[in-house]
Amino acid sequence: MLPVMLDLSRGPVLLYGSGPAALRRRGLLEAAGATDLRVYTDAAPDAEAIAAALLLFVVGVAEDEAGRVAGIARGHGVPVNVEDTTALCDFYTPSVVRRGDLTIAVSTAGRSPGLARRLREKLETLFGPEWQDRLDRLAGARDGWRASGADMATVTERTNDMIEKEGWL
């Protein structure tokens, strides 16, 4: 598996399904910046909608129907995630800690979502809300260093020095 961060504002994200799990998935997608989130609760999106999607999430749908919709998505090159059916998934969604633009993700490649959740809960205690401000401060300093002509090695060194000086880690 290759961990990547996707910009969900770059195209439509489809969510097919209903129930509590679909509501949780919707919240995750909205928190991740899905600005064109299209939710289908009663019927599957048609092939045209799927073909235009950035990603497709299927939640709480019978496995045969989920497989059919996943097949359409794959036929159009659209990555699909079918909750709790790893054989139908092109990708998995990690358990996430968000502190502003700081995102810490934990994945078990779908093998133990419960473990991923527990690890996320632990990380939430280690990385509190103050990390949003810390990232903002580091980003501002980095912008200044880059604007003054510092190369990446110097920026990295200064970043590490600032983290140490502030006692953040």
N, C-alpha and C. Protein backbone atom coordinates (compact mmCIF):
# COMPACT_ATOMS: atom_id res chain seq x y z
N MET A 1 0.84 -1.18 0.00
CA MET A 1 0.00 0.00 0.00
C MET A 1 0.89 1.25 0.00
N LEU A 2 0.46 2.24 -0.74
CA LEU A 2 1.16 3.51 -0.81
C LEU A 2 0.31 4.58 -0.13
N PRO A 3 0.75 5.08 1.01
CA PRO A 3 -0.01 6.16 1.66
C PRO A 3 0.09 7.44 0.83
N VAL A 4 -1.03 8.04 0.52
CA VAL A 4 -1.07 9.30 -0.21
C VAL A 4 -2.13 10.20 0.42
N MET A 5 -2.00 11.48 0.20
CA MET A 5 -3.02 12.44 0.63
C MET A 5 -3.66 12.98 -0.64
N LEU A 6 -4.97 12.81 -0.78
CA LEU A 6 -5.68 13.26 -1.96
C LEU A 6 -6.40 14.57 -1.70
N ASP A 7 -6.36 15.47 -2.68
CA ASP A 7 -7.11 16.71 -2.60
C ASP A 7 -8.52 16.44 -3.11
N LEU A 8 -9.46 16.28 -2.19
CA LEU A 8 -10.82 15.91 -2.55
C LEU A 8 -11.62 17.06 -3.13
N SER A 9 -11.02 18.22 -3.27
CA SER A 9 -11.70 19.34 -3.91
C SER A 9 -11.50 19.32 -5.43
N ARG A 10 -10.74 18.37 -5.93
CA ARG A 10 -10.41 18.33 -7.35
C ARG A 10 -11.43 17.62 -8.23
N GLY A 11 -12.48 17.12 -7.65
CA GLY A 11 -13.49 16.44 -8.46
C GLY A 11 -14.58 15.87 -7.59
N PRO A 12 -15.62 15.36 -8.23
CA PRO A 12 -16.72 14.79 -7.45
C PRO A 12 -16.30 13.52 -6.71
N VAL A 13 -16.75 13.44 -5.47
CA VAL A 13 -16.56 12.24 -4.66
C VAL A 13 -17.94 11.66 -4.43
N LEU A 14 -18.12 10.38 -4.76
CA LEU A 14 -19.42 9.73 -4.64
C LEU A 14 -19.47 8.84 -3.41
N LEU A 15 -20.59 8.91 -2.71
CA LEU A 15 -20.85 8.06 -1.56
C LEU A 15 -22.18 7.37 -1.81
N TYR A 16 -22.14 6.04 -1.89
CA TYR A 16 -23.34 5.25 -2.14
C TYR A 16 -23.61 4.38 -0.93
N GLY A 17 -24.75 4.60 -0.29
CA GLY A 17 -25.13 3.81 0.86
C GLY A 17 -25.89 4.63 1.87
N SER A 18 -26.30 3.98 2.94
CA SER A 18 -27.05 4.67 3.98
C SER A 18 -26.76 4.02 5.33
N GLY A 19 -27.30 4.62 6.37
CA GLY A 19 -27.11 4.09 7.71
C GLY A 19 -26.00 4.81 8.45
N PRO A 20 -25.75 4.38 9.69
CA PRO A 20 -24.75 5.04 10.54
C PRO A 20 -23.34 5.03 9.93
N ALA A 21 -22.95 3.93 9.30
CA ALA A 21 -21.61 3.88 8.71
C ALA A 21 -21.48 4.88 7.57
N ALA A 22 -22.52 5.04 6.77
CA ALA A 22 -22.49 6.01 5.68
C ALA A 22 -22.43 7.44 6.23
N LEU A 23 -23.13 7.69 7.32
CA LEU A 23 -23.07 9.01 7.95
C LEU A 23 -21.66 9.31 8.46
N ARG A 24 -21.01 8.31 9.06
CA ARG A 24 -19.63 8.49 9.52
C ARG A 24 -18.70 8.76 8.34
N ARG A 25 -18.88 8.00 7.27
CA ARG A 25 -18.04 8.19 6.08
C ARG A 25 -18.26 9.59 5.50
N ARG A 26 -19.51 10.02 5.47
CA ARG A 26 -19.81 11.37 4.96
C ARG A 26 -19.07 12.41 5.80
N GLY A 27 -19.11 12.27 7.11
CA GLY A 27 -18.40 13.21 7.98
C GLY A 27 -16.91 13.22 7.71
N LEU A 28 -16.33 12.05 7.51
CA LEU A 28 -14.90 11.94 7.20
C LEU A 28 -14.58 12.66 5.90
N LEU A 29 -15.41 12.45 4.88
CA LEU A 29 -15.16 13.06 3.57
C LEU A 29 -15.32 14.58 3.63
N GLU A 30 -16.32 15.04 4.35
CA GLU A 30 -16.50 16.49 4.50
C GLU A 30 -15.32 17.10 5.26
N ALA A 31 -14.87 16.44 6.31
CA ALA A 31 -13.72 16.93 7.08
C ALA A 31 -12.45 16.94 6.24
N ALA A 32 -12.38 16.04 5.26
CA ALA A 32 -11.19 15.94 4.41
C ALA A 32 -11.26 16.90 3.22
N GLY A 33 -12.32 17.71 3.14
CA GLY A 33 -12.37 18.74 2.10
C GLY A 33 -13.10 18.36 0.83
N ALA A 34 -13.95 17.34 0.87
CA ALA A 34 -14.73 16.97 -0.32
C ALA A 34 -15.77 18.06 -0.57
N THR A 35 -15.50 18.94 -1.52
CA THR A 35 -16.40 20.07 -1.78
C THR A 35 -17.51 19.72 -2.75
N ASP A 36 -17.34 18.65 -3.50
CA ASP A 36 -18.38 18.18 -4.43
C ASP A 36 -18.74 16.74 -4.05
N LEU A 37 -19.31 16.58 -2.87
CA LEU A 37 -19.69 15.26 -2.36
C LEU A 37 -21.10 14.95 -2.82
N ARG A 38 -21.25 13.87 -3.56
CA ARG A 38 -22.55 13.46 -4.08
C ARG A 38 -22.97 12.18 -3.37
N VAL A 39 -24.07 12.25 -2.64
CA VAL A 39 -24.53 11.15 -1.81
C VAL A 39 -25.72 10.47 -2.47
N TYR A 40 -25.63 9.15 -2.60
CA TYR A 40 -26.69 8.33 -3.18
C TYR A 40 -27.14 7.36 -2.09
N THR A 41 -28.35 7.56 -1.59
CA THR A 41 -28.83 6.71 -0.49
C THR A 41 -29.79 5.63 -0.96
N ASP A 42 -30.60 5.92 -1.97
CA ASP A 42 -31.64 4.98 -2.39
C ASP A 42 -31.28 4.16 -3.61
N ALA A 43 -30.48 4.71 -4.48
CA ALA A 43 -30.10 4.01 -5.71
C ALA A 43 -28.65 4.33 -6.02
N ALA A 44 -28.02 3.41 -6.73
CA ALA A 44 -26.61 3.58 -7.10
C ALA A 44 -26.45 4.73 -8.10
N PRO A 45 -25.31 5.38 -8.07
CA PRO A 45 -25.04 6.37 -9.11
C PRO A 45 -24.97 5.67 -10.46
N ASP A 46 -25.34 6.38 -11.52
CA ASP A 46 -25.27 5.76 -12.84
C ASP A 46 -23.82 5.76 -13.34
N ALA A 47 -23.59 5.03 -14.42
CA ALA A 47 -22.23 4.85 -14.94
C ALA A 47 -21.60 6.19 -15.32
N GLU A 48 -22.40 7.12 -15.81
CA GLU A 48 -21.87 8.43 -16.20
C GLU A 48 -21.36 9.19 -14.98
N ALA A 49 -22.11 9.16 -13.90
CA ALA A 49 -21.68 9.84 -12.66
C ALA A 49 -20.43 9.17 -12.11
N ILE A 50 -20.40 7.85 -12.14
CA ILE A 50 -19.23 7.12 -11.64
C ILE A 50 -18.00 7.46 -12.47
N ALA A 51 -18.15 7.50 -13.80
CA ALA A 51 -17.01 7.76 -14.68
C ALA A 51 -16.39 9.13 -14.43
N ALA A 52 -17.19 10.09 -13.98
CA ALA A 52 -16.70 11.45 -13.74
C ALA A 52 -16.14 11.64 -12.33
N ALA A 53 -16.22 10.62 -11.50
CA ALA A 53 -15.84 10.75 -10.09
C ALA A 53 -14.34 10.66 -9.88
N LEU A 54 -13.90 11.33 -8.83
CA LEU A 54 -12.52 11.20 -8.36
C LEU A 54 -12.37 9.90 -7.58
N LEU A 55 -13.35 9.61 -6.72
CA LEU A 55 -13.37 8.40 -5.89
C LEU A 55 -14.82 7.98 -5.69
N LEU A 56 -15.00 6.68 -5.39
CA LEU A 56 -16.32 6.15 -5.05
C LEU A 56 -16.21 5.38 -3.74
N PHE A 57 -17.10 5.70 -2.81
CA PHE A 57 -17.21 4.97 -1.55
C PHE A 57 -18.56 4.27 -1.52
N VAL A 58 -18.55 2.99 -1.15
CA VAL A 58 -19.77 2.19 -1.05
C VAL A 58 -19.86 1.69 0.38
N VAL A 59 -20.99 2.00 1.05
CA VAL A 59 -21.14 1.68 2.47
C VAL A 59 -22.53 1.12 2.74
N GLY A 60 -22.58 -0.03 3.41
CA GLY A 60 -23.87 -0.57 3.82
C GLY A 60 -24.73 -1.08 2.68
N VAL A 61 -24.10 -1.54 1.63
CA VAL A 61 -24.80 -2.04 0.45
C VAL A 61 -24.53 -3.54 0.34
N ALA A 62 -25.51 -4.31 -0.09
CA ALA A 62 -25.33 -5.76 -0.25
C ALA A 62 -24.12 -6.04 -1.12
N GLU A 63 -23.40 -7.12 -0.79
CA GLU A 63 -22.14 -7.40 -1.46
C GLU A 63 -22.28 -7.56 -2.97
N ASP A 64 -23.34 -8.21 -3.45
CA ASP A 64 -23.48 -8.37 -4.90
C ASP A 64 -23.67 -7.01 -5.59
N GLU A 65 -24.46 -6.14 -4.99
CA GLU A 65 -24.67 -4.79 -5.54
C GLU A 65 -23.38 -3.98 -5.43
N ALA A 66 -22.69 -4.09 -4.31
CA ALA A 66 -21.41 -3.39 -4.14
C ALA A 66 -20.41 -3.85 -5.19
N GLY A 67 -20.37 -5.14 -5.46
CA GLY A 67 -19.47 -5.68 -6.48
C GLY A 67 -19.80 -5.15 -7.86
N ARG A 68 -21.08 -5.05 -8.16
CA ARG A 68 -21.51 -4.54 -9.47
C ARG A 68 -21.06 -3.09 -9.64
N VAL A 69 -21.32 -2.27 -8.64
CA VAL A 69 -20.96 -0.85 -8.71
C VAL A 69 -19.44 -0.68 -8.73
N ALA A 70 -18.74 -1.47 -7.93
CA ALA A 70 -17.27 -1.42 -7.93
C ALA A 70 -16.71 -1.78 -9.30
N GLY A 71 -17.33 -2.75 -9.96
CA GLY A 71 -16.89 -3.14 -11.30
C GLY A 71 -17.05 -2.01 -12.30
N ILE A 72 -18.15 -1.28 -12.20
CA ILE A 72 -18.36 -0.12 -13.08
C ILE A 72 -17.27 0.92 -12.83
N ALA A 73 -17.00 1.19 -11.57
CA ALA A 73 -15.96 2.17 -11.22
C ALA A 73 -14.61 1.75 -11.79
N ARG A 74 -14.24 0.52 -11.58
CA ARG A 74 -12.95 0.05 -12.09
C ARG A 74 -12.88 0.14 -13.60
N GLY A 75 -13.99 -0.16 -14.26
CA GLY A 75 -14.04 -0.06 -15.72
C GLY A 75 -13.78 1.34 -16.23
N HIS A 76 -14.04 2.32 -15.39
CA HIS A 76 -13.80 3.72 -15.75
C HIS A 76 -12.54 4.28 -15.09
N GLY A 77 -11.78 3.43 -14.44
CA GLY A 77 -10.54 3.87 -13.80
C GLY A 77 -10.76 4.69 -12.54
N VAL A 78 -11.90 4.52 -11.89
CA VAL A 78 -12.21 5.26 -10.67
C VAL A 78 -11.94 4.37 -9.47
N PRO A 79 -11.04 4.76 -8.58
CA PRO A 79 -10.77 3.95 -7.39
C PRO A 79 -12.01 3.85 -6.50
N VAL A 80 -12.20 2.66 -5.92
CA VAL A 80 -13.40 2.41 -5.12
C VAL A 80 -13.02 1.81 -3.77
N ASN A 81 -13.80 2.18 -2.75
CA ASN A 81 -13.68 1.60 -1.42
C ASN A 81 -15.04 1.07 -1.02
N VAL A 82 -15.10 -0.23 -0.75
CA VAL A 82 -16.33 -0.85 -0.27
C VAL A 82 -16.09 -1.21 1.19
N GLU A 83 -16.80 -0.52 2.08
CA GLU A 83 -16.56 -0.70 3.51
C GLU A 83 -16.72 -2.15 3.93
N ASP A 84 -15.73 -2.64 4.69
CA ASP A 84 -15.72 -3.99 5.27
C ASP A 84 -15.67 -5.11 4.24
N THR A 85 -15.24 -4.80 3.01
CA THR A 85 -15.09 -5.83 1.98
C THR A 85 -13.77 -5.57 1.26
N THR A 86 -12.68 -5.99 1.89
CA THR A 86 -11.35 -5.66 1.37
C THR A 86 -11.12 -6.16 -0.05
N ALA A 87 -11.74 -7.28 -0.42
CA ALA A 87 -11.55 -7.82 -1.76
C ALA A 87 -12.08 -6.87 -2.84
N LEU A 88 -12.99 -5.98 -2.48
CA LEU A 88 -13.56 -5.05 -3.45
C LEU A 88 -12.93 -3.66 -3.37
N CYS A 89 -11.93 -3.49 -2.52
CA CYS A 89 -11.34 -2.16 -2.30
C CYS A 89 -10.08 -1.96 -3.13
N ASP A 90 -9.99 -0.78 -3.75
CA ASP A 90 -8.75 -0.36 -4.40
C ASP A 90 -7.88 0.42 -3.41
N PHE A 91 -8.48 0.92 -2.35
CA PHE A 91 -7.77 1.68 -1.34
C PHE A 91 -8.54 1.55 -0.03
N TYR A 92 -7.87 1.90 1.05
CA TYR A 92 -8.48 1.88 2.38
C TYR A 92 -8.40 3.28 2.96
N THR A 93 -9.35 3.61 3.79
CA THR A 93 -9.28 4.90 4.47
C THR A 93 -8.70 4.68 5.86
N PRO A 94 -7.70 5.45 6.20
CA PRO A 94 -7.07 5.28 7.51
C PRO A 94 -7.90 5.90 8.62
N SER A 95 -7.52 5.59 9.82
CA SER A 95 -8.04 6.27 11.00
C SER A 95 -7.21 7.55 11.13
N VAL A 96 -7.85 8.69 11.33
CA VAL A 96 -7.18 9.98 11.16
C VAL A 96 -7.28 10.86 12.40
N VAL A 97 -6.16 11.52 12.71
CA VAL A 97 -6.11 12.60 13.69
C VAL A 97 -5.86 13.87 12.89
N ARG A 98 -6.73 14.87 13.04
CA ARG A 98 -6.57 16.15 12.34
C ARG A 98 -6.38 17.27 13.37
N ARG A 99 -5.35 18.05 13.10
CA ARG A 99 -5.09 19.24 13.90
C ARG A 99 -4.81 20.35 12.89
N GLY A 100 -5.85 20.99 12.38
CA GLY A 100 -5.68 21.95 11.29
C GLY A 100 -5.18 21.20 10.07
N ASP A 101 -4.08 21.67 9.49
CA ASP A 101 -3.50 21.00 8.32
C ASP A 101 -2.60 19.83 8.69
N LEU A 102 -2.37 19.61 9.96
CA LEU A 102 -1.61 18.44 10.39
C LEU A 102 -2.54 17.23 10.38
N THR A 103 -2.19 16.24 9.60
CA THR A 103 -2.98 15.01 9.51
C THR A 103 -2.07 13.84 9.83
N ILE A 104 -2.48 13.04 10.79
CA ILE A 104 -1.76 11.83 11.16
C ILE A 104 -2.70 10.67 10.88
N ALA A 105 -2.26 9.74 10.03
CA ALA A 105 -3.12 8.65 9.60
C ALA A 105 -2.54 7.31 10.02
N VAL A 106 -3.42 6.39 10.42
CA VAL A 106 -3.03 5.04 10.82
C VAL A 106 -3.84 4.06 9.98
N SER A 107 -3.16 3.11 9.36
CA SER A 107 -3.86 2.11 8.55
C SER A 107 -3.35 0.72 8.88
N THR A 108 -4.25 -0.23 8.80
CA THR A 108 -3.89 -1.65 8.92
C THR A 108 -4.22 -2.37 7.62
N ALA A 109 -4.34 -1.61 6.51
CA ALA A 109 -4.72 -2.15 5.21
C ALA A 109 -6.04 -2.91 5.30
N GLY A 110 -6.92 -2.42 6.13
CA GLY A 110 -8.24 -3.02 6.28
C GLY A 110 -8.29 -4.27 7.13
N ARG A 111 -7.16 -4.67 7.69
CA ARG A 111 -7.11 -5.94 8.43
C ARG A 111 -7.63 -5.84 9.85
N SER A 112 -7.49 -4.66 10.47
CA SER A 112 -8.00 -4.50 11.84
C SER A 112 -8.37 -3.04 12.09
N PRO A 113 -9.54 -2.61 11.61
CA PRO A 113 -9.96 -1.24 11.86
C PRO A 113 -10.01 -0.90 13.35
N GLY A 114 -10.29 -1.88 14.19
CA GLY A 114 -10.32 -1.64 15.63
C GLY A 114 -8.96 -1.24 16.17
N LEU A 115 -7.91 -1.89 15.69
CA LEU A 115 -6.55 -1.51 16.10
C LEU A 115 -6.22 -0.11 15.61
N ALA A 116 -6.55 0.18 14.36
CA ALA A 116 -6.29 1.52 13.83
C ALA A 116 -7.01 2.57 14.66
N ARG A 117 -8.23 2.30 15.07
CA ARG A 117 -9.00 3.25 15.89
C ARG A 117 -8.31 3.46 17.24
N ARG A 118 -7.88 2.37 17.87
CA ARG A 118 -7.22 2.49 19.18
C ARG A 118 -5.91 3.28 19.07
N LEU A 119 -5.15 3.03 18.01
CA LEU A 119 -3.91 3.79 17.82
C LEU A 119 -4.22 5.27 17.60
N ARG A 120 -5.26 5.56 16.81
CA ARG A 120 -5.66 6.95 16.59
C ARG A 120 -6.03 7.61 17.92
N GLU A 121 -6.79 6.90 18.74
CA GLU A 121 -7.18 7.45 20.04
C GLU A 121 -5.95 7.79 20.89
N LYS A 122 -4.94 6.94 20.84
CA LYS A 122 -3.71 7.21 21.59
C LYS A 122 -3.00 8.43 21.01
N LEU A 123 -2.92 8.50 19.69
CA LEU A 123 -2.27 9.64 19.04
C LEU A 123 -2.99 10.95 19.35
N GLU A 124 -4.31 10.90 19.49
CA GLU A 124 -5.06 12.11 19.83
C GLU A 124 -4.63 12.67 21.18
N THR A 125 -4.24 11.80 22.10
CA THR A 125 -3.78 12.27 23.41
C THR A 125 -2.37 12.85 23.33
N LEU A 126 -1.58 12.38 22.38
CA LEU A 126 -0.20 12.85 22.23
C LEU A 126 -0.11 14.13 21.41
N PHE A 127 -1.04 14.31 20.48
CA PHE A 127 -1.04 15.47 19.58
C PHE A 127 -2.35 16.23 19.76
N GLY A 128 -2.36 17.14 20.74
CA GLY A 128 -3.56 17.89 21.06
C GLY A 128 -3.79 19.05 20.10
N PRO A 129 -4.80 19.86 20.38
CA PRO A 129 -5.16 20.99 19.51
C PRO A 129 -4.04 22.01 19.32
N GLU A 130 -3.11 22.06 20.27
CA GLU A 130 -2.00 23.01 20.16
C GLU A 130 -1.13 22.77 18.92
N TRP A 131 -1.20 21.57 18.36
CA TRP A 131 -0.39 21.25 17.19
C TRP A 131 -0.82 22.03 15.95
N GLN A 132 -2.05 22.50 15.90
CA GLN A 132 -2.47 23.34 14.78
C GLN A 132 -1.65 24.62 14.77
N ASP A 133 -1.52 25.26 15.93
CA ASP A 133 -0.74 26.49 16.03
C ASP A 133 0.74 26.21 15.78
N ARG A 134 1.23 25.10 16.28
CA ARG A 134 2.64 24.76 16.06
C ARG A 134 2.94 24.62 14.57
N LEU A 135 2.05 23.95 13.85
CA LEU A 135 2.25 23.80 12.41
C LEU A 135 2.20 25.16 11.73
N ASP A 136 1.25 26.00 12.13
CA ASP A 136 1.17 27.34 11.54
C ASP A 136 2.46 28.12 11.76
N ARG A 137 3.02 28.02 12.95
CA ARG A 137 4.28 28.72 13.26
C ARG A 137 5.43 28.17 12.41
N LEU A 138 5.51 26.84 12.31
CA LEU A 138 6.56 26.23 11.49
C LEU A 138 6.41 26.62 10.02
N ALA A 139 5.18 26.60 9.53
CA ALA A 139 4.94 26.93 8.12
C ALA A 139 5.33 28.38 7.84
N GLY A 140 4.99 29.28 8.76
CA GLY A 140 5.38 30.68 8.59
C GLY A 140 6.89 30.85 8.58
N ALA A 141 7.56 30.17 9.49
CA ALA A 141 9.02 30.24 9.53
C ALA A 141 9.61 29.66 8.25
N ARG A 142 9.08 28.54 7.81
CA ARG A 142 9.57 27.90 6.58
C ARG A 142 9.41 28.84 5.38
N ASP A 143 8.26 29.48 5.28
CA ASP A 143 8.04 30.42 4.18
C ASP A 143 9.10 31.52 4.20
N GLY A 144 9.40 32.02 5.39
CA GLY A 144 10.43 33.06 5.52
C GLY A 144 11.81 32.55 5.12
N TRP A 145 12.14 31.37 5.57
CA TRP A 145 13.45 30.80 5.22
C TRP A 145 13.57 30.59 3.72
N ARG A 146 12.52 30.07 3.10
CA ARG A 146 12.55 29.83 1.65
C ARG A 146 12.64 31.17 0.90
N ALA A 147 11.89 32.16 1.37
CA ALA A 147 11.90 33.48 0.71
C ALA A 147 13.28 34.13 0.79
N SER A 148 14.03 33.82 1.85
CA SER A 148 15.37 34.40 1.99
C SER A 148 16.43 33.58 1.26
N GLY A 149 16.00 32.53 0.55
CA GLY A 149 16.92 31.76 -0.28
C GLY A 149 17.49 30.50 0.35
N ALA A 150 17.00 30.11 1.51
CA ALA A 150 17.53 28.90 2.15
C ALA A 150 17.21 27.67 1.30
N ASP A 151 18.20 26.78 1.19
CA ASP A 151 17.96 25.53 0.46
C ASP A 151 17.24 24.54 1.37
N MET A 152 16.82 23.40 0.81
CA MET A 152 16.02 22.45 1.57
C MET A 152 16.77 21.87 2.76
N ALA A 153 18.07 21.65 2.62
CA ALA A 153 18.84 21.12 3.75
C ALA A 153 18.84 22.12 4.91
N THR A 154 18.99 23.40 4.59
CA THR A 154 18.97 24.43 5.62
C THR A 154 17.59 24.54 6.26
N VAL A 155 16.55 24.48 5.43
CA VAL A 155 15.17 24.54 5.94
C VAL A 155 14.92 23.37 6.89
N THR A 156 15.37 22.19 6.51
CA THR A 156 15.21 21.01 7.37
C THR A 156 15.94 21.19 8.69
N GLU A 157 17.15 21.68 8.62
CA GLU A 157 17.94 21.90 9.84
C GLU A 157 17.26 22.94 10.75
N ARG A 158 16.79 24.02 10.16
CA ARG A 158 16.13 25.06 10.96
C ARG A 158 14.81 24.55 11.54
N THR A 159 14.11 23.75 10.78
CA THR A 159 12.86 23.15 11.29
C THR A 159 13.15 22.30 12.51
N ASN A 160 14.14 21.42 12.39
CA ASN A 160 14.51 20.57 13.53
C ASN A 160 14.96 21.39 14.73
N ASP A 161 15.73 22.45 14.46
CA ASP A 161 16.19 23.32 15.55
C ASP A 161 15.00 23.99 16.25
N MET A 162 14.03 24.45 15.48
CA MET A 162 12.86 25.12 16.07
C MET A 162 12.04 24.14 16.91
N ILE A 163 11.86 22.93 16.41
CA ILE A 163 11.11 21.91 17.16
C ILE A 163 11.81 21.61 18.48
N GLU A 164 13.14 21.47 18.43
CA GLU A 164 13.91 21.19 19.64
C GLU A 164 13.86 22.37 20.61
N LYS A 165 14.08 23.58 20.09
CA LYS A 165 14.09 24.78 20.94
C LYS A 165 12.75 24.95 21.65
N GLU A 166 11.66 24.68 20.95
CA GLU A 166 10.32 24.83 21.54
C GLU A 166 9.94 23.65 22.44
N GLY A 167 10.70 22.54 22.34
CA GLY A 167 10.42 21.37 23.16
C GLY A 167 9.15 20.63 22.75
N TRP A 168 8.84 20.67 21.47
CA TRP A 168 7.59 20.06 20.99
C TRP A 168 7.65 18.54 20.91
N LEU A 169 8.82 18.00 20.69
CA LEU A 169 8.96 16.53 20.61
C LEU A 169 10.12 16.07 21.49
